[in-house]
Amino acid sequence: RNHLHIDLAAVLADLSPELRRVVELLQCMSATQAARELGVPRRTFREKHLAQLHAIFKAKGLDQYLS
């Protein structure tokens, strides 16, 4: 669990401010709500933000935590 916390902190530190905001929103709301909060369509949110986050987490070996 401590390793996960350290790994997540490292990934978050490397994110752009926009993607960091997405992660913050997803911690307390659904993807639909986060898309609405950002003012983007759900499809755009999935294809842009979630796809980028998935690629980043996968590259860092943390993609199992995205489900």
Protein backbone atom coordinates (compact mmCIF):
# COMPACT_ATOMS: atom_id res chain seq x y z
CA ARG A 1 0.00 0.00 0.00
CA ASN A 2 2.85 2.39 0.77
CA HIS A 3 4.45 1.58 -2.57
CA LEU A 4 1.20 2.34 -4.33
CA HIS A 5 0.96 5.71 -2.58
CA ILE A 6 4.52 6.57 -3.60
CA ASP A 7 3.97 5.41 -7.19
CA LEU A 8 0.74 7.39 -7.49
CA ALA A 9 2.37 10.52 -6.07
CA ALA A 10 5.15 10.23 -8.66
CA VAL A 11 2.67 9.84 -11.51
CA LEU A 12 0.53 12.75 -10.30
CA ALA A 13 3.56 15.00 -9.98
CA ASP A 14 4.37 14.42 -13.66
CA LEU A 15 0.85 15.16 -14.93
CA SER A 16 -0.13 18.38 -16.62
CA PRO A 17 -2.30 20.67 -14.50
CA GLU A 18 -5.28 19.73 -16.68
CA LEU A 19 -4.85 15.99 -16.15
CA ARG A 20 -4.13 16.50 -12.46
CA ARG A 21 -7.49 18.29 -12.21
CA VAL A 22 -9.17 15.34 -13.95
CA VAL A 23 -7.68 12.95 -11.39
CA GLU A 24 -8.86 15.19 -8.55
CA LEU A 25 -12.38 15.24 -9.97
CA LEU A 26 -12.46 11.47 -10.48
CA GLN A 27 -11.60 10.93 -6.84
CA CYS A 28 -14.96 12.31 -5.78
CA MET A 29 -17.28 12.03 -8.79
CA SER A 30 -18.14 9.89 -11.78
CA ALA A 31 -16.62 10.40 -15.22
CA THR A 32 -19.93 11.86 -16.40
CA GLN A 33 -19.94 14.39 -13.57
CA ALA A 34 -16.26 15.23 -14.15
CA ALA A 35 -16.91 15.84 -17.86
CA ARG A 36 -19.79 18.12 -16.95
CA GLU A 37 -17.60 19.96 -14.42
CA LEU A 38 -14.96 20.52 -17.10
CA GLY A 39 -17.57 21.56 -19.65
CA VAL A 40 -16.71 18.88 -22.20
CA PRO A 41 -18.85 16.13 -23.74
CA ARG A 42 -18.50 12.70 -22.12
CA ARG A 43 -17.10 11.24 -25.33
CA THR A 44 -14.40 13.91 -25.50
CA PHE A 45 -13.64 13.35 -21.84
CA ARG A 46 -13.23 9.60 -22.40
CA GLU A 47 -11.26 9.90 -25.62
CA LYS A 48 -8.99 12.69 -24.48
CA HIS A 49 -8.56 12.75 -20.71
CA LEU A 50 -9.24 9.16 -19.73
CA ALA A 51 -7.28 7.76 -22.65
CA GLN A 52 -4.27 9.92 -21.74
CA LEU A 53 -4.46 8.89 -18.09
CA HIS A 54 -4.76 5.25 -19.02
CA ALA A 55 -1.69 5.47 -21.27
CA ILE A 56 0.33 7.21 -18.56
CA PHE A 57 -0.67 4.73 -15.85
CA LYS A 58 0.00 1.80 -18.20
CA ALA A 59 3.46 3.15 -19.06
CA LYS A 60 4.22 3.34 -15.33
CA GLY A 61 2.92 -0.19 -14.73
CA LEU A 62 -0.07 1.03 -12.71
CA ASP A 63 -2.88 0.34 -15.17
CA GLN A 64 -4.40 -2.34 -12.91
CA TYR A 65 -5.56 0.49 -10.63
CA LEU A 66 -7.67 2.14 -13.35
CA SER A 67 -10.54 -0.33 -13.34
